[in-house]
Amino acid sequence: MPRDNRRAERVAAAIREEIASYLTSGSRDSRISGMVTVTGVDVTSDLRRARVYVSVMDSDGTDPVAVLNQVGHRLRGEIGRALRLRLAPELDFQIDETAAKASRIESLLAQIKAEDSNRER
């Protein structure tokens, strides 16, 4: 019998909302500095693991991803209670490289465009 992928997607969206509300609340860990945004959550089909992608801006030297991974067990319990899951997924926080890659592509395209306009002269 095939697994219900829609359930994994719904759980991923709910996890994203729970973590985002944690990051905006006053109860977040004081070691997390700067602006941390949850950009996405991927949950395995068996709902045992969740990879949480975050974007970090203006960090003061501490690694927010390391701190989030340290407090992940507490967040896991909160998420399990909030979503009424029998087994809450293990959380693995990672930096989302998408914005940096997009910026790099934009700069390369601008460089190519400048080189093309110089050749036409």
PDB file of N, CA and C in Angstrom:
ATOM      1  N   MET A   1       0.849  -1.169   0.000  1.00  0.00           N
ATOM      2  CA  MET A   1       0.000   0.000   0.000  1.00  0.00           C
ATOM      3  C   MET A   1       0.902   1.242   0.000  1.00  0.00           C
ATOM      4  N   PRO A   2       0.684   2.203  -0.933  1.00  0.00           N
ATOM      5  CA  PRO A   2       1.549   3.375  -1.028  1.00  0.00           C
ATOM      6  C   PRO A   2       1.362   4.319   0.159  1.00  0.00           C
ATOM      7  N   ARG A   3       2.456   4.976   0.509  1.00  0.00           N
ATOM      8  CA  ARG A   3       2.422   5.953   1.606  1.00  0.00           C
ATOM      9  C   ARG A   3       1.709   7.223   1.153  1.00  0.00           C
ATOM     10  N   ASP A   4       1.153   7.945   2.104  1.00  0.00           N
ATOM     11  CA  ASP A   4       0.458   9.197   1.817  1.00  0.00           C
ATOM     12  C   ASP A   4       1.472  10.336   1.899  1.00  0.00           C
ATOM     13  N   ASN A   5       1.956  10.810   0.753  1.00  0.00           N
ATOM     14  CA  ASN A   5       2.937  11.897   0.728  1.00  0.00           C
ATOM     15  C   ASN A   5       2.324  13.214   1.152  1.00  0.00           C
ATOM     16  N   ARG A   6       1.030  13.347   0.995  1.00  0.00           N
ATOM     17  CA  ARG A   6       0.376  14.583   1.408  1.00  0.00           C
ATOM     18  C   ARG A   6       0.476  14.774   2.915  1.00  0.00           C
ATOM     19  N   ARG A   7       0.461  13.697   3.665  1.00  0.00           N
ATOM     20  CA  ARG A   7       0.595  13.809   5.119  1.00  0.00           C
ATOM     21  C   ARG A   7       1.973  14.338   5.467  1.00  0.00           C
ATOM     22  N   ALA A   8       3.003  13.838   4.816  1.00  0.00           N
ATOM     23  CA  ALA A   8       4.364  14.325   5.064  1.00  0.00           C
ATOM     24  C   ALA A   8       4.462  15.810   4.726  1.00  0.00           C
ATOM     25  N   GLU A   9       3.814  16.227   3.654  1.00  0.00           N
ATOM     26  CA  GLU A   9       3.831  17.644   3.271  1.00  0.00           C
ATOM     27  C   GLU A   9       3.097  18.498   4.306  1.00  0.00           C
ATOM     28  N   ARG A  10       1.980  18.002   4.806  1.00  0.00           N
ATOM     29  CA  ARG A  10       1.225  18.744   5.829  1.00  0.00           C
ATOM     30  C   ARG A  10       2.021  18.842   7.126  1.00  0.00           C
ATOM     31  N   VAL A  11       2.670  17.744   7.509  1.00  0.00           N
ATOM     32  CA  VAL A  11       3.487  17.754   8.721  1.00  0.00           C
ATOM     33  C   VAL A  11       4.664  18.703   8.546  1.00  0.00           C
ATOM     34  N   ALA A  12       5.284  18.710   7.368  1.00  0.00           N
ATOM     35  CA  ALA A  12       6.412  19.612   7.101  1.00  0.00           C
ATOM     36  C   ALA A  12       5.974  21.066   7.222  1.00  0.00           C
ATOM     37  N   ALA A  13       4.814  21.399   6.673  1.00  0.00           N
ATOM     38  CA  ALA A  13       4.311  22.769   6.762  1.00  0.00           C
ATOM     39  C   ALA A  13       4.016  23.145   8.208  1.00  0.00           C
ATOM     40  N   ALA A  14       3.453  22.230   8.970  1.00  0.00           N
ATOM     41  CA  ALA A  14       3.144  22.508  10.375  1.00  0.00           C
ATOM     42  C   ALA A  14       4.423  22.662  11.191  1.00  0.00           C
ATOM     43  N   ILE A  15       5.426  21.854  10.908  1.00  0.00           N
ATOM     44  CA  ILE A  15       6.719  21.978  11.599  1.00  0.00           C
ATOM     45  C   ILE A  15       7.340  23.326  11.285  1.00  0.00           C
ATOM     46  N   ARG A  16       7.264  23.734  10.033  1.00  0.00           N
ATOM     47  CA  ARG A  16       7.810  25.029   9.625  1.00  0.00           C
ATOM     48  C   ARG A  16       7.147  26.163  10.424  1.00  0.00           C
ATOM     49  N   GLU A  17       5.839  26.106  10.547  1.00  0.00           N
ATOM     50  CA  GLU A  17       5.118  27.131  11.298  1.00  0.00           C
ATOM     51  C   GLU A  17       5.500  27.122  12.773  1.00  0.00           C
ATOM     52  N   GLU A  18       5.624  25.940  13.377  1.00  0.00           N
ATOM     53  CA  GLU A  18       5.978  25.839  14.792  1.00  0.00           C
ATOM     54  C   GLU A  18       7.373  26.391  15.060  1.00  0.00           C
ATOM     55  N   ILE A  19       8.326  26.060  14.205  1.00  0.00           N
ATOM     56  CA  ILE A  19       9.696  26.545  14.403  1.00  0.00           C
ATOM     57  C   ILE A  19       9.768  28.045  14.154  1.00  0.00           C
ATOM     58  N   ALA A  20       9.042  28.518  13.144  1.00  0.00           N
ATOM     59  CA  ALA A  20       9.023  29.961  12.879  1.00  0.00           C
ATOM     60  C   ALA A  20       8.438  30.725  14.063  1.00  0.00           C
ATOM     61  N   SER A  21       7.395  30.188  14.658  1.00  0.00           N
ATOM     62  CA  SER A  21       6.819  30.876  15.815  1.00  0.00           C
ATOM     63  C   SER A  21       7.777  30.826  17.003  1.00  0.00           C
ATOM     64  N   TYR A  22       8.525  29.739  17.150  1.00  0.00           N
ATOM     65  CA  TYR A  22       9.544  29.663  18.201  1.00  0.00           C
ATOM     66  C   TYR A  22      10.611  30.739  17.989  1.00  0.00           C
ATOM     67  N   LEU A  23      11.042  30.909  16.744  1.00  0.00           N
ATOM     68  CA  LEU A  23      12.105  31.877  16.444  1.00  0.00           C
ATOM     69  C   LEU A  23      11.656  33.319  16.634  1.00  0.00           C
ATOM     70  N   THR A  24      10.365  33.573  16.507  1.00  0.00           N
ATOM     71  CA  THR A  24       9.871  34.935  16.680  1.00  0.00           C
ATOM     72  C   THR A  24       9.390  35.219  18.100  1.00  0.00           C
ATOM     73  N   SER A  25       9.286  34.175  18.899  1.00  0.00           N
ATOM     74  CA  SER A  25       8.794  34.371  20.262  1.00  0.00           C
ATOM     75  C   SER A  25       9.925  34.807  21.190  1.00  0.00           C
ATOM     76  N   GLY A  26       9.547  35.273  22.343  1.00  0.00           N
ATOM     77  CA  GLY A  26      10.524  35.679  23.336  1.00  0.00           C
ATOM     78  C   GLY A  26      11.161  34.501  24.042  1.00  0.00           C
ATOM     79  N   SER A  27      10.650  33.295  23.819  1.00  0.00           N
ATOM     80  CA  SER A  27      11.176  32.117  24.501  1.00  0.00           C
ATOM     81  C   SER A  27      12.329  31.452  23.756  1.00  0.00           C
ATOM     82  N   ARG A  28      12.736  32.034  22.636  1.00  0.00           N
ATOM     83  CA  ARG A  28      13.823  31.402  21.888  1.00  0.00           C
ATOM     84  C   ARG A  28      15.128  31.539  22.655  1.00  0.00           C
ATOM     85  N   ASP A  29      16.058  30.670  22.369  1.00  0.00           N
ATOM     86  CA  ASP A  29      17.345  30.642  23.056  1.00  0.00           C
ATOM     87  C   ASP A  29      18.083  31.958  22.831  1.00  0.00           C
ATOM     88  N   SER A  30      18.634  32.517  23.882  1.00  0.00           N
ATOM     89  CA  SER A  30      19.303  33.823  23.792  1.00  0.00           C
ATOM     90  C   SER A  30      20.587  33.764  22.971  1.00  0.00           C
ATOM     91  N   ARG A  31      21.118  32.564  22.745  1.00  0.00           N
ATOM     92  CA  ARG A  31      22.334  32.436  21.932  1.00  0.00           C
ATOM     93  C   ARG A  31      22.051  32.613  20.442  1.00  0.00           C
ATOM     94  N   ILE A  32      20.797  32.563  20.061  1.00  0.00           N
ATOM     95  CA  ILE A  32      20.432  32.740  18.657  1.00  0.00           C
ATOM     96  C   ILE A  32      20.308  34.235  18.405  1.00  0.00           C
ATOM     97  N   SER A  33      21.252  34.768  17.663  1.00  0.00           N
ATOM     98  CA  SER A  33      21.232  36.198  17.375  1.00  0.00           C
ATOM     99  C   SER A  33      20.992  36.416  15.886  1.00  0.00           C
ATOM    100  N   GLY A  34      20.642  37.619  15.549  1.00  0.00           N
ATOM    101  CA  GLY A  34      20.393  37.954  14.159  1.00  0.00           C
ATOM    102  C   GLY A  34      19.019  37.477  13.720  1.00  0.00           C
ATOM    103  N   MET A  35      18.801  37.599  12.440  1.00  0.00           N
ATOM    104  CA  MET A  35      17.515  37.211  11.872  1.00  0.00           C
ATOM    105  C   MET A  35      17.628  35.803  11.297  1.00  0.00           C
ATOM    106  N   VAL A  36      16.874  34.887  11.854  1.00  0.00           N
ATOM    107  CA  VAL A  36      16.873  33.496  11.402  1.00  0.00           C
ATOM    108  C   VAL A  36      15.494  33.212  10.835  1.00  0.00           C
ATOM    109  N   THR A  37      15.459  32.744   9.598  1.00  0.00           N
ATOM    110  CA  THR A  37      14.208  32.477   8.903  1.00  0.00           C
ATOM    111  C   THR A  37      14.169  31.022   8.475  1.00  0.00           C
ATOM    112  N   VAL A  38      13.060  30.374   8.691  1.00  0.00           N
ATOM    113  CA  VAL A  38      12.877  29.000   8.213  1.00  0.00           C
ATOM    114  C   VAL A  38      12.449  29.084   6.760  1.00  0.00           C
ATOM    115  N   THR A  39      13.271  28.537   5.873  1.00  0.00           N
ATOM    116  CA  THR A  39      12.967  28.612   4.444  1.00  0.00           C
ATOM    117  C   THR A  39      12.305  27.350   3.912  1.00  0.00           C
ATOM    118  N   GLY A  40      12.442  26.249   4.638  1.00  0.00           N
ATOM    119  CA  GLY A  40      11.811  25.023   4.175  1.00  0.00           C
ATOM    120  C   GLY A  40      12.023  23.880   5.135  1.00  0.00           C
ATOM    121  N   VAL A  41      11.181  22.875   5.008  1.00  0.00           N
ATOM    122  CA  VAL A  41      11.287  21.671   5.820  1.00  0.00           C
ATOM    123  C   VAL A  41      11.024  20.479   4.913  1.00  0.00           C
ATOM    124  N   ASP A  42      11.920  19.514   4.950  1.00  0.00           N
ATOM    125  CA  ASP A  42      11.726  18.254   4.233  1.00  0.00           C
ATOM    126  C   ASP A  42      11.570  17.153   5.266  1.00  0.00           C
ATOM    127  N   VAL A  43      10.469  16.414   5.178  1.00  0.00           N
ATOM    128  CA  VAL A  43      10.196  15.334   6.110  1.00  0.00           C
ATOM    129  C   VAL A  43      10.246  14.021   5.339  1.00  0.00           C
ATOM    130  N   THR A  44      10.870  13.019   5.930  1.00  0.00           N
ATOM    131  CA  THR A  44      10.895  11.711   5.289  1.00  0.00           C
ATOM    132  C   THR A  44       9.480  11.137   5.261  1.00  0.00           C
ATOM    133  N   SER A  45       9.248  10.201   4.372  1.00  0.00           N
ATOM    134  CA  SER A  45       7.896   9.660   4.210  1.00  0.00           C
ATOM    135  C   SER A  45       7.416   8.923   5.454  1.00  0.00           C
ATOM    136  N   ASP A  46       8.342   8.390   6.268  1.00  0.00           N
ATOM    137  CA  ASP A  46       7.936   7.714   7.498  1.00  0.00           C
ATOM    138  C   ASP A  46       7.829   8.671   8.691  1.00  0.00           C
ATOM    139  N   LEU A  47       8.046   9.969   8.457  1.00  0.00           N
ATOM    140  CA  LEU A  47       7.916  11.038   9.457  1.00  0.00           C
ATOM    141  C   LEU A  47       8.888  10.890  10.629  1.00  0.00           C
ATOM    142  N   ARG A  48      10.000  10.221  10.416  1.00  0.00           N
ATOM    143  CA  ARG A  48      10.965  10.034  11.502  1.00  0.00           C
ATOM    144  C   ARG A  48      12.027  11.128  11.548  1.00  0.00           C
ATOM    145  N   ARG A  49      12.302  11.736  10.413  1.00  0.00           N
ATOM    146  CA  ARG A  49      13.334  12.774  10.359  1.00  0.00           C
ATOM    147  C   ARG A  49      12.811  13.967   9.566  1.00  0.00           C
ATOM    148  N   ALA A  50      13.247  15.151  10.014  1.00  0.00           N
ATOM    149  CA  ALA A  50      12.891  16.379   9.304  1.00  0.00           C
ATOM    150  C   ALA A  50      14.148  17.219   9.150  1.00  0.00           C
ATOM    151  N   ARG A  51      14.438  17.595   7.935  1.00  0.00           N
ATOM    152  CA  ARG A  51      15.555  18.498   7.659  1.00  0.00           C
ATOM    153  C   ARG A  51      14.967  19.893   7.534  1.00  0.00           C
ATOM    154  N   VAL A  52      15.437  20.792   8.407  1.00  0.00           N
ATOM    155  CA  VAL A  52      14.906  22.150   8.470  1.00  0.00           C
ATOM    156  C   VAL A  52      15.952  23.091   7.888  1.00  0.00           C
ATOM    157  N   TYR A  53      15.592  23.803   6.829  1.00  0.00           N
ATOM    158  CA  TYR A  53      16.504  24.743   6.184  1.00  0.00           C
ATOM    159  C   TYR A  53      16.247  26.141   6.720  1.00  0.00           C
ATOM    160  N   VAL A  54      17.317  26.810   7.140  1.00  0.00           N
ATOM    161  CA  VAL A  54      17.194  28.155   7.693  1.00  0.00           C
ATOM    162  C   VAL A  54      18.133  29.102   6.962  1.00  0.00           C
ATOM    163  N   SER A  55      17.722  30.350   6.922  1.00  0.00           N
ATOM    164  CA  SER A  55      18.530  31.428   6.376  1.00  0.00           C
ATOM    165  C   SER A  55      18.895  32.335   7.540  1.00  0.00           C
ATOM    166  N   VAL A  56      20.168  32.726   7.618  1.00  0.00           N
ATOM    167  CA  VAL A  56      20.652  33.524   8.740  1.00  0.00           C
ATOM    168  C   VAL A  56      21.223  34.831   8.210  1.00  0.00           C
ATOM    169  N   MET A  57      20.793  35.937   8.836  1.00  0.00           N
ATOM    170  CA  MET A  57      21.320  37.252   8.487  1.00  0.00           C
ATOM    171  C   MET A  57      21.739  37.964   9.767  1.00  0.00           C
ATOM    172  N   ASP A  58      22.822  38.700   9.713  1.00  0.00           N
ATOM    173  CA  ASP A  58      23.288  39.537  10.810  1.00  0.00           C
ATOM    174  C   ASP A  58      23.585  38.751  12.084  1.00  0.00           C
ATOM    175  N   SER A  59      24.247  37.639  11.956  1.00  0.00           N
ATOM    176  CA  SER A  59      24.637  36.877  13.139  1.00  0.00           C
ATOM    177  C   SER A  59      25.861  37.524  13.769  1.00  0.00           C
ATOM    178  N   ASP A  60      25.943  37.509  15.091  1.00  0.00           N
ATOM    179  CA  ASP A  60      27.035  38.191  15.783  1.00  0.00           C
ATOM    180  C   ASP A  60      28.236  37.286  16.061  1.00  0.00           C
ATOM    181  N   GLY A  61      28.387  36.239  15.344  1.00  0.00           N
ATOM    182  CA  GLY A  61      29.533  35.356  15.525  1.00  0.00           C
ATOM    183  C   GLY A  61      29.148  33.980  16.020  1.00  0.00           C
ATOM    184  N   THR A  62      28.046  33.861  16.760  1.00  0.00           N
ATOM    185  CA  THR A  62      27.601  32.536  17.172  1.00  0.00           C
ATOM    186  C   THR A  62      26.930  31.864  15.986  1.00  0.00           C
ATOM    187  N   ASP A  63      26.981  30.562  15.966  1.00  0.00           N
ATOM    188  CA  ASP A  63      26.388  29.803  14.874  1.00  0.00           C
ATOM    189  C   ASP A  63      24.961  29.412  15.252  1.00  0.00           C
ATOM    190  N   PRO A  64      23.962  30.114  14.712  1.00  0.00           N
ATOM    191  CA  PRO A  64      22.569  29.803  15.075  1.00  0.00           C
ATOM    192  C   PRO A  64      22.163  28.379  14.716  1.00  0.00           C
ATOM    193  N   VAL A  65      22.739  27.816  13.658  1.00  0.00           N
ATOM    194  CA  VAL A  65      22.375  26.459  13.259  1.00  0.00           C
ATOM    195  C   VAL A  65      22.856  25.464  14.315  1.00  0.00           C
ATOM    196  N   ALA A  66      24.054  25.669  14.838  1.00  0.00           N
ATOM    197  CA  ALA A  66      24.559  24.792  15.896  1.00  0.00           C
ATOM    198  C   ALA A  66      23.695  24.890  17.147  1.00  0.00           C
ATOM    199  N   VAL A  67      23.285  26.108  17.486  1.00  0.00           N
ATOM    200  CA  VAL A  67      22.418  26.295  18.658  1.00  0.00           C
ATOM    201  C   VAL A  67      21.073  25.616  18.427  1.00  0.00           C
ATOM    202  N   LEU A  68      20.508  25.776  17.235  1.00  0.00           N
ATOM    203  CA  LEU A  68      19.230  25.139  16.926  1.00  0.00           C
ATOM    204  C   LEU A  68      19.348  23.616  16.996  1.00  0.00           C
ATOM    205  N   ASN A  69      20.462  23.069  16.528  1.00  0.00           N
ATOM    206  CA  ASN A  69      20.651  21.627  16.617  1.00  0.00           C
ATOM    207  C   ASN A  69      20.771  21.180  18.071  1.00  0.00           C
ATOM    208  N   GLN A  70      21.335  22.041  18.927  1.00  0.00           N
ATOM    209  CA  GLN A  70      21.446  21.703  20.348  1.00  0.00           C
ATOM    210  C   GLN A  70      20.085  21.723  21.040  1.00  0.00           C
ATOM    211  N   VAL A  71      19.233  22.678  20.702  1.00  0.00           N
ATOM    212  CA  VAL A  71      17.918  22.775  21.340  1.00  0.00           C
ATOM    213  C   VAL A  71      16.854  22.008  20.560  1.00  0.00           C
ATOM    214  N   GLY A  72      17.275  21.282  19.548  1.00  0.00           N
ATOM    215  CA  GLY A  72      16.341  20.546  18.696  1.00  0.00           C
ATOM    216  C   GLY A  72      15.508  19.529  19.444  1.00  0.00           C
ATOM    217  N   HIS A  73      16.102  18.873  20.465  1.00  0.00           N
ATOM    218  CA  HIS A  73      15.340  17.875  21.215  1.00  0.00           C
ATOM    219  C   HIS A  73      14.177  18.519  21.963  1.00  0.00           C
ATOM    220  N   ARG A  74      14.381  19.742  22.478  1.00  0.00           N
ATOM    221  CA  ARG A  74      13.290  20.444  23.156  1.00  0.00           C
ATOM    222  C   ARG A  74      12.218  20.867  22.145  1.00  0.00           C
ATOM    223  N   LEU A  75      12.668  21.372  20.999  1.00  0.00           N
ATOM    224  CA  LEU A  75      11.722  21.745  19.944  1.00  0.00           C
ATOM    225  C   LEU A  75      10.942  20.535  19.448  1.00  0.00           C
ATOM    226  N   ARG A  76      11.624  19.410  19.378  1.00  0.00           N
ATOM    227  CA  ARG A  76      10.974  18.181  18.931  1.00  0.00           C
ATOM    228  C   ARG A  76       9.809  17.832  19.846  1.00  0.00           C
ATOM    229  N   GLY A  77      10.015  17.956  21.153  1.00  0.00           N
ATOM    230  CA  GLY A  77       8.940  17.677  22.103  1.00  0.00           C
ATOM    231  C   GLY A  77       7.792  18.648  21.964  1.00  0.00           C
ATOM    232  N   GLU A  78       8.114  19.931  21.798  1.00  0.00           N
ATOM    233  CA  GLU A  78       7.069  20.941  21.625  1.00  0.00           C
ATOM    234  C   GLU A  78       6.273  20.696  20.352  1.00  0.00           C
ATOM    235  N   ILE A  79       6.976  20.342  19.292  1.00  0.00           N
ATOM    236  CA  ILE A  79       6.306  20.075  18.011  1.00  0.00           C
ATOM    237  C   ILE A  79       5.410  18.849  18.133  1.00  0.00           C
ATOM    238  N   GLY A  80       5.907  17.804  18.779  1.00  0.00           N
ATOM    239  CA  GLY A  80       5.105  16.598  18.966  1.00  0.00           C
ATOM    240  C   GLY A  80       3.819  16.877  19.723  1.00  0.00           C
ATOM    241  N   ARG A  81       3.908  17.697  20.780  1.00  0.00           N
ATOM    242  CA  ARG A  81       2.704  18.038  21.553  1.00  0.00           C
ATOM    243  C   ARG A  81       1.768  18.937  20.745  1.00  0.00           C
ATOM    244  N   ALA A  82       2.330  19.927  20.065  1.00  0.00           N
ATOM    245  CA  ALA A  82       1.493  20.872  19.314  1.00  0.00           C
ATOM    246  C   ALA A  82       0.768  20.188  18.157  1.00  0.00           C
ATOM    247  N   LEU A  83       1.449  19.262  17.503  1.00  0.00           N
ATOM    248  CA  LEU A  83       0.854  18.607  16.333  1.00  0.00           C
ATOM    249  C   LEU A  83       0.182  17.278  16.673  1.00  0.00           C
ATOM    250  N   ARG A  84       0.258  16.899  17.952  1.00  0.00           N
ATOM    251  CA  ARG A  84      -0.323  15.639  18.424  1.00  0.00           C
ATOM    252  C   ARG A  84       0.200  14.444  17.640  1.00  0.00           C
ATOM    253  N   LEU A  85       1.511  14.402  17.494  1.00  0.00           N
ATOM    254  CA  LEU A  85       2.153  13.292  16.802  1.00  0.00           C
ATOM    255  C   LEU A  85       2.584  12.243  17.822  1.00  0.00           C
ATOM    256  N   ARG A  86       2.385  11.006  17.497  1.00  0.00           N
ATOM    257  CA  ARG A  86       2.827   9.926  18.381  1.00  0.00           C
ATOM    258  C   ARG A  86       4.340   9.940  18.494  1.00  0.00           C
ATOM    259  N   LEU A  87       4.998  10.125  17.380  1.00  0.00           N
ATOM    260  CA  LEU A  87       6.457  10.183  17.352  1.00  0.00           C
ATOM    261  C   LEU A  87       6.845  11.418  16.543  1.00  0.00           C
ATOM    262  N   ALA A  88       7.382  12.420  17.199  1.00  0.00           N
ATOM    263  CA  ALA A  88       7.811  13.637  16.502  1.00  0.00           C
ATOM    264  C   ALA A  88       9.114  13.344  15.769  1.00  0.00           C
ATOM    265  N   PRO A  89       9.293  13.921  14.593  1.00  0.00           N
ATOM    266  CA  PRO A  89      10.515  13.658  13.828  1.00  0.00           C
ATOM    267  C   PRO A  89      11.750  14.283  14.472  1.00  0.00           C
ATOM    268  N   GLU A  90      12.894  13.635  14.271  1.00  0.00           N
ATOM    269  CA  GLU A  90      14.167  14.202  14.700  1.00  0.00           C
ATOM    270  C   GLU A  90      14.460  15.389  13.790  1.00  0.00           C
ATOM    271  N   LEU A  91      14.908  16.489  14.373  1.00  0.00           N
ATOM    272  CA  LEU A  91      15.144  17.713  13.613  1.00  0.00           C
ATOM    273  C   LEU A  91      16.620  17.864  13.294  1.00  0.00           C
ATOM    274  N   ASP A  92      16.905  18.186  12.055  1.00  0.00           N
ATOM    275  CA  ASP A  92      18.269  18.440  11.601  1.00  0.00           C
ATOM    276  C   ASP A  92      18.259  19.797  10.909  1.00  0.00           C
ATOM    277  N   PHE A  93      18.885  20.788  11.534  1.00  0.00           N
ATOM    278  CA  PHE A  93      18.900  22.146  10.989  1.00  0.00           C
ATOM    279  C   PHE A  93      20.107  22.320  10.081  1.00  0.00           C
ATOM    280  N   GLN A  94      19.876  22.958   8.931  1.00  0.00           N
ATOM    281  CA  GLN A  94      20.948  23.222   7.976  1.00  0.00           C
ATOM    282  C   GLN A  94      20.750  24.598   7.355  1.00  0.00           C
ATOM    283  N   ILE A  95      21.875  25.208   6.964  1.00  0.00           N
ATOM    284  CA  ILE A  95      21.818  26.498   6.277  1.00  0.00           C
ATOM    285  C   ILE A  95      21.262  26.291   4.875  1.00  0.00           C
ATOM    286  N   ASP A  96      20.354  27.159   4.478  1.00  0.00           N
ATOM    287  CA  ASP A  96      19.797  27.125   3.128  1.00  0.00           C
ATOM    288  C   ASP A  96      20.735  27.913   2.215  1.00  0.00           C
ATOM    289  N   GLU A  97      21.334  27.239   1.285  1.00  0.00           N
ATOM    290  CA  GLU A  97      22.303  27.844   0.375  1.00  0.00           C
ATOM    291  C   GLU A  97      21.653  28.449  -0.862  1.00  0.00           C
ATOM    292  N   THR A  98      20.349  28.370  -0.987  1.00  0.00           N
ATOM    293  CA  THR A  98      19.659  28.807  -2.192  1.00  0.00           C
ATOM    294  C   THR A  98      19.891  30.280  -2.497  1.00  0.00           C
ATOM    295  N   ALA A  99      19.784  31.145  -1.497  1.00  0.00           N
ATOM    296  CA  ALA A  99      19.952  32.582  -1.724  1.00  0.00           C
ATOM    297  C   ALA A  99      21.373  32.906  -2.177  1.00  0.00           C
ATOM    298  N   ALA A 100      22.356  32.272  -1.570  1.00  0.00           N
ATOM    299  CA  ALA A 100      23.751  32.513  -1.955  1.00  0.00           C
ATOM    300  C   ALA A 100      24.009  32.027  -3.380  1.00  0.00           C
ATOM    301  N   LYS A 101      23.442  30.881  -3.721  1.00  0.00           N
ATOM    302  CA  LYS A 101      23.617  30.356  -5.079  1.00  0.00           C
ATOM    303  C   LYS A 101      22.931  31.258  -6.099  1.00  0.00           C
ATOM    304  N   ALA A 102      21.746  31.748  -5.783  1.00  0.00           N
ATOM    305  CA  ALA A 102      21.025  32.640  -6.691  1.00  0.00           C
ATOM    306  C   ALA A 102      21.800  33.942  -6.893  1.00  0.00           C
ATOM    307  N   SER A 103      22.372  34.460  -5.830  1.00  0.00           N
ATOM    308  CA  SER A 103      23.173  35.680  -5.924  1.00  0.00           C
ATOM    309  C   SER A 103      24.398  35.456  -6.803  1.00  0.00           C
ATOM    310  N   ARG A 104      25.031  34.314  -6.649  1.00  0.00           N
ATOM    311  CA  ARG A 104      26.212  33.981  -7.457  1.00  0.00           C
ATOM    312  C   ARG A 104      25.823  33.891  -8.943  1.00  0.00           C
ATOM    313  N   ILE A 105      24.703  33.263  -9.232  1.00  0.00           N
ATOM    314  CA  ILE A 105      24.247  33.138 -10.623  1.00  0.00           C
ATOM    315  C   ILE A 105      23.950  34.515 -11.204  1.00  0.00           C
ATOM    316  N   GLU A 106      23.294  35.374 -10.426  1.00  0.00           N
ATOM    317  CA  GLU A 106      22.991  36.732 -10.884  1.00  0.00           C
ATOM    318  C   GLU A 106      24.263  37.510 -11.198  1.00  0.00           C
ATOM    319  N   SER A 107      25.279  37.375 -10.350  1.00  0.00           N
ATOM    320  CA  SER A 107      26.527  38.100 -10.605  1.00  0.00           C
ATOM    321  C   SER A 107      27.238  37.552 -11.843  1.00  0.00           C
ATOM    322  N   LEU A 108      27.191  36.242 -12.050  1.00  0.00           N
ATOM    323  CA  LEU A 108      27.796  35.658 -13.247  1.00  0.00           C
ATOM    324  C   LEU A 108      27.077  36.117 -14.508  1.00  0.00           C
ATOM    325  N   LEU A 109      25.755  36.173 -14.463  1.00  0.00           N
ATOM    326  CA  LEU A 109      24.996  36.643 -15.624  1.00  0.00           C
ATOM    327  C   LEU A 109      25.280  38.112 -15.917  1.00  0.00           C
ATOM    328  N   ALA A 110      25.406  38.920 -14.873  1.00  0.00           N
ATOM    329  CA  ALA A 110      25.737  40.331 -15.070  1.00  0.00           C
ATOM    330  C   ALA A 110      27.128  40.479 -15.666  1.00  0.00           C
ATOM    331  N   GLN A 111      28.056  39.644 -15.242  1.00  0.00           N
ATOM    332  CA  GLN A 111      29.418  39.681 -15.777  1.00  0.00           C
ATOM    333  C   GLN A 111      29.419  39.293 -17.259  1.00  0.00           C
ATOM    334  N   ILE A 112      28.662  38.269 -17.617  1.00  0.00           N
ATOM    335  CA  ILE A 112      28.574  37.844 -19.014  1.00  0.00           C
ATOM    336  C   ILE A 112      27.953  38.942 -19.862  1.00  0.00           C
ATOM    337  N   LYS A 113      26.924  39.579 -19.347  1.00  0.00           N
ATOM    338  CA  LYS A 113      26.263  40.652 -20.078  1.00  0.00           C
ATOM    339  C   LYS A 113      27.222  41.816 -20.305  1.00  0.00           C
ATOM    340  N   ALA A 114      28.017  42.159 -19.297  1.00  0.00           N
ATOM    341  CA  ALA A 114      28.992  43.243 -19.423  1.00  0.00           C
ATOM    342  C   ALA A 114      30.049  42.879 -20.461  1.00  0.00           C
ATOM    343  N   GLU A 115      30.518  41.631 -20.446  1.00  0.00           N
ATOM    344  CA  GLU A 115      31.518  41.195 -21.429  1.00  0.00           C
ATOM    345  C   GLU A 115      30.954  41.232 -22.837  1.00  0.00           C
ATOM    346  N   ASP A 116      29.705  40.825 -23.019  1.00  0.00           N
ATOM    347  CA  ASP A 116      29.068  40.860 -24.331  1.00  0.00           C
ATOM    348  C   ASP A 116      28.914  42.295 -24.843  1.00  0.00           C
ATOM    349  N   SER A 117      28.558  43.213 -23.965  1.00  0.00           N
ATOM    350  CA  SER A 117      28.400  44.599 -24.400  1.00  0.00           C
ATOM    351  C   SER A 117      29.751  45.215 -24.735  1.00  0.00           C
ATOM    352  N   ASN A 118      30.820  44.791 -24.068  1.00  0.00           N
ATOM    353  CA  ASN A 118      32.163  45.277 -24.399  1.00  0.00           C
ATOM    354  C   ASN A 118      32.627  44.743 -25.744  1.00  0.00           C
ATOM    355  N   ARG A 119      32.266  43.529 -26.088  1.00  0.00           N
ATOM    356  CA  ARG A 119      32.671  42.948 -27.374  1.00  0.00           C
ATOM    357  C   ARG A 119      31.957  43.621 -28.536  1.00  0.00           C
ATOM    358  N   GLU A 120      30.725  44.069 -28.311  1.00  0.00           N
ATOM    359  CA  GLU A 120      29.959  44.690 -29.375  1.00  0.00           C
ATOM    360  C   GLU A 120      30.477  46.073 -29.738  1.00  0.00           C
ATOM    361  N   ARG A 121      31.249  46.673 -28.876  1.00  0.00           N
ATOM    362  CA  ARG A 121      31.755  48.032 -29.144  1.00  0.00           C
ATOM    363  C   ARG A 121      32.886  48.019 -30.080  1.00  0.00           C
TER     364      ARG A 121
END
